[in-house]
């Protein structure tokens, strides 16, 4: 095998070099020969996620109460978007002073909704922004299902003045009550 030899260029005469430079004129060196002509991409948008969440919320809110699958032992927990998880943990630990409470036992769904709405409006007017709503565990209801628990959950999620709520500590009613924080 023959070793490869490198071809050498013939020398360029000074006259040819001067003629070339005169012909092309002033030039600037090219740093990158790939021009980026694409516009900057738009910032990411979670439009599909928002649409999915909106559809799920609408599906939940439109279901009849009988179809809501809330277990007796399932704790309720909710915070408006933008509210920290720390606030929910503080609610669960009983770190807020409960200023008032309402007991919805032995009420029908319609009565409970009206009583809850009136109670929350009055509590807010009077500056009692942390309240307990006792809905019971549903042990004495038909089929031992927590009907009022679903009513309370749904009603609280629909209210704009509710910041967050969470099932109470065991000593304060456990999964048969919720502690609610209201906007000032």
Protein backbone atom coordinates (compact mmCIF):
# COMPACT_ATOMS: atom_id res chain seq x y z
CA UNK A 1 0.00 0.00 0.00
CA UNK A 2 1.29 3.36 -0.98
CA UNK A 3 1.39 6.13 1.58
CA UNK A 4 -0.91 9.02 0.74
CA UNK A 5 0.85 12.14 -0.32
CA UNK A 6 -0.59 15.51 0.28
CA UNK A 7 -1.08 17.68 -2.73
CA UNK A 8 0.36 21.10 -2.35
CA UNK A 9 -1.11 24.17 -3.92
CA UNK A 10 0.90 26.09 -6.39
CA UNK A 11 2.05 29.40 -4.96
CA UNK A 12 -0.14 32.45 -5.75
CA UNK A 13 1.73 35.33 -7.27
CA UNK A 14 1.53 38.70 -5.51
CA UNK A 15 -0.11 40.22 -8.63
CA UNK A 16 -2.86 37.54 -8.65
CA UNK A 17 -3.44 38.00 -4.90
CA UNK A 18 -3.74 41.80 -5.30
CA UNK A 19 -6.12 41.40 -8.26
CA UNK A 20 -8.32 38.99 -6.23
CA UNK A 21 -8.52 41.32 -3.20
CA UNK A 22 -9.30 44.30 -5.43
CA UNK A 23 -12.09 42.35 -7.15
CA UNK A 24 -13.90 41.24 -3.99
CA UNK A 25 -13.52 44.47 -2.01
CA UNK A 26 -13.90 44.77 1.76
CA UNK A 27 -15.22 41.65 3.48
CA UNK A 28 -16.07 40.59 7.01
CA UNK A 29 -15.32 37.10 8.26
CA UNK A 30 -18.34 34.77 8.54
CA UNK A 31 -18.69 33.43 12.06
CA UNK A 32 -21.56 31.02 11.39
CA UNK A 33 -22.67 30.05 7.94
CA UNK A 34 -26.09 28.80 9.15
CA UNK A 35 -28.55 31.63 9.46
CA UNK A 36 -31.37 31.11 11.98
CA UNK A 37 -34.37 32.52 10.17
CA UNK A 38 -37.01 30.88 12.38
CA UNK A 39 -38.90 33.09 14.83
CA UNK A 40 -38.47 32.37 18.54
CA UNK A 41 -40.87 29.63 19.67
CA UNK A 42 -43.83 30.76 21.77
CA UNK A 43 -43.73 30.05 25.49
CA UNK A 44 -45.23 26.67 26.45
CA UNK A 45 -48.96 26.69 27.08
CA UNK A 46 -50.77 23.92 28.96
CA UNK A 47 -54.01 24.50 27.08
CA UNK A 48 -54.91 20.81 26.88
CA UNK A 49 -54.27 20.29 30.60
CA UNK A 50 -56.51 23.26 31.44
CA UNK A 51 -59.19 21.95 29.08
CA UNK A 52 -59.00 18.47 30.68
CA UNK A 53 -59.24 19.92 34.19
CA UNK A 54 -62.18 22.13 33.18
CA UNK A 55 -63.97 19.17 31.58
CA UNK A 56 -63.37 17.02 34.68
CA UNK A 57 -64.68 19.77 36.96
CA UNK A 58 -67.77 20.26 34.80
CA UNK A 59 -68.40 16.50 34.78
CA UNK A 60 -68.16 16.34 38.58
CA UNK A 61 -70.36 19.39 39.11
CA UNK A 62 -73.03 18.17 36.71
CA UNK A 63 -73.43 14.71 38.27
CA UNK A 64 -76.43 14.09 40.50
CA UNK A 65 -75.53 13.71 44.14
CA UNK A 66 -76.46 10.04 44.09
CA UNK A 67 -73.68 9.38 41.56
CA UNK A 68 -70.93 11.06 43.58
CA UNK A 69 -68.65 8.37 44.93
CA UNK A 70 -67.54 9.71 48.28
CA UNK A 71 -66.59 7.11 50.82
CA UNK A 72 -67.36 7.58 54.48
CA UNK A 73 -63.69 7.41 55.40
CA UNK A 74 -62.40 9.57 52.52
CA UNK A 75 -61.16 12.88 53.87
CA UNK A 76 -62.18 16.02 52.00
CA UNK A 77 -59.42 18.37 50.92
CA UNK A 78 -59.46 21.32 48.54
CA UNK A 79 -57.54 24.53 47.92
CA UNK A 80 -58.11 27.14 45.24
CA UNK A 81 -55.43 27.27 42.53
CA UNK A 82 -52.46 29.23 43.78
CA UNK A 83 -53.03 28.36 47.45
CA UNK A 84 -50.05 26.59 48.98
CA UNK A 85 -50.14 22.97 50.13
CA UNK A 86 -48.72 24.22 53.43
CA UNK A 87 -52.07 25.88 54.16
CA UNK A 88 -53.87 22.54 53.74
CA UNK A 89 -51.37 20.86 56.07
CA UNK A 90 -51.95 23.59 58.66
CA UNK A 91 -55.71 23.09 58.37
CA UNK A 92 -55.26 19.34 58.86
CA UNK A 93 -53.16 19.90 61.98
CA UNK A 94 -55.72 22.22 63.54
CA UNK A 95 -53.44 25.27 63.45
CA UNK A 96 -56.32 27.66 62.73
CA UNK A 97 -58.73 28.86 65.39
CA UNK A 98 -62.28 27.82 64.49
CA UNK A 99 -64.60 30.80 65.10
CA UNK A 100 -68.00 29.24 64.41
CA UNK A 101 -69.64 26.00 63.33
CA UNK A 102 -72.81 24.67 61.78
CA UNK A 103 -74.24 21.17 62.22
CA UNK A 104 -76.10 19.88 59.16
CA UNK A 105 -77.19 16.57 60.71
CA UNK A 106 -80.76 15.49 59.94
CA UNK A 107 -81.17 18.03 57.12
CA UNK A 108 -82.17 17.17 53.58
CA UNK A 109 -79.72 18.02 50.79
CA UNK A 110 -81.67 21.14 49.83
CA UNK A 111 -81.97 22.31 53.45
CA UNK A 112 -78.25 21.71 54.01
CA UNK A 113 -77.30 23.71 50.91
CA UNK A 114 -79.44 26.69 51.97
CA UNK A 115 -78.25 26.54 55.58
CA UNK A 116 -74.60 26.26 54.52
CA UNK A 117 -74.86 29.21 52.12
CA UNK A 118 -76.51 31.41 54.75
CA UNK A 119 -74.02 30.34 57.43
CA UNK A 120 -70.96 31.06 55.28
CA UNK A 121 -72.30 34.44 54.17
CA UNK A 122 -73.00 35.47 57.78
CA UNK A 123 -69.63 34.17 59.02
CA UNK A 124 -67.85 36.18 56.35
CA UNK A 125 -69.83 39.35 57.12
CA UNK A 126 -68.94 39.00 60.79
CA UNK A 127 -65.24 38.33 60.10
CA UNK A 128 -65.27 34.71 61.28
CA UNK A 129 -63.06 33.39 58.49
CA UNK A 130 -62.29 29.92 59.87
CA UNK A 131 -65.38 27.79 60.46
CA UNK A 132 -66.29 24.13 60.96
CA UNK A 133 -69.06 22.50 58.95
CA UNK A 134 -70.34 19.28 60.52
CA UNK A 135 -71.91 17.12 57.83
CA UNK A 136 -71.70 13.75 59.54
CA UNK A 137 -70.39 10.47 58.22
CA UNK A 138 -73.69 9.26 56.82
CA UNK A 139 -73.92 6.23 59.08
CA UNK A 140 -77.64 6.76 59.73
CA UNK A 141 -78.56 7.66 56.16
CA UNK A 142 -80.07 5.36 53.57
CA UNK A 143 -77.49 2.72 52.55
CA UNK A 144 -75.09 4.30 55.10
CA UNK A 145 -73.78 6.65 52.38
CA UNK A 146 -72.55 10.16 53.23
CA UNK A 147 -75.08 12.28 51.30
CA UNK A 148 -74.41 15.55 53.12
CA UNK A 149 -70.66 15.08 52.77
CA UNK A 150 -71.06 15.24 48.99
CA UNK A 151 -73.39 18.23 49.24
CA UNK A 152 -70.86 20.12 51.37
CA UNK A 153 -67.93 19.20 49.12
CA UNK A 154 -69.73 20.33 46.00
CA UNK A 155 -71.13 23.51 47.53
CA UNK A 156 -67.77 24.61 48.94
CA UNK A 157 -65.96 24.06 45.61
CA UNK A 158 -68.51 26.25 43.84
CA UNK A 159 -68.17 29.20 46.21
CA UNK A 160 -65.75 31.95 45.27
CA UNK A 161 -65.21 33.01 48.88
CA UNK A 162 -63.80 29.65 50.00
CA UNK A 163 -59.99 29.63 49.99
CA UNK A 164 -59.53 26.06 51.21
CA UNK A 165 -61.08 23.32 53.31
CA UNK A 166 -60.03 20.02 54.75
CA UNK A 167 -61.55 17.27 56.85
CA UNK A 168 -61.16 18.00 60.53
CA UNK A 169 -58.78 16.27 62.92
CA UNK A 170 -60.22 13.18 64.63
CA UNK A 171 -60.77 15.16 67.84
CA UNK A 172 -62.73 17.81 65.91
CA UNK A 173 -65.06 15.49 63.97
CA UNK A 174 -62.69 13.68 61.60
CA UNK A 175 -64.18 12.82 58.22
CA UNK A 176 -67.61 13.92 59.50
CA UNK A 177 -66.63 17.62 59.47
CA UNK A 178 -64.56 20.09 57.47
CA UNK A 179 -62.61 23.14 58.50
CA UNK A 180 -63.17 25.97 56.00
CA UNK A 181 -61.10 29.11 55.39
CA UNK A 182 -62.97 32.04 53.88
CA UNK A 183 -61.70 35.15 52.08
CA UNK A 184 -61.70 38.33 54.14
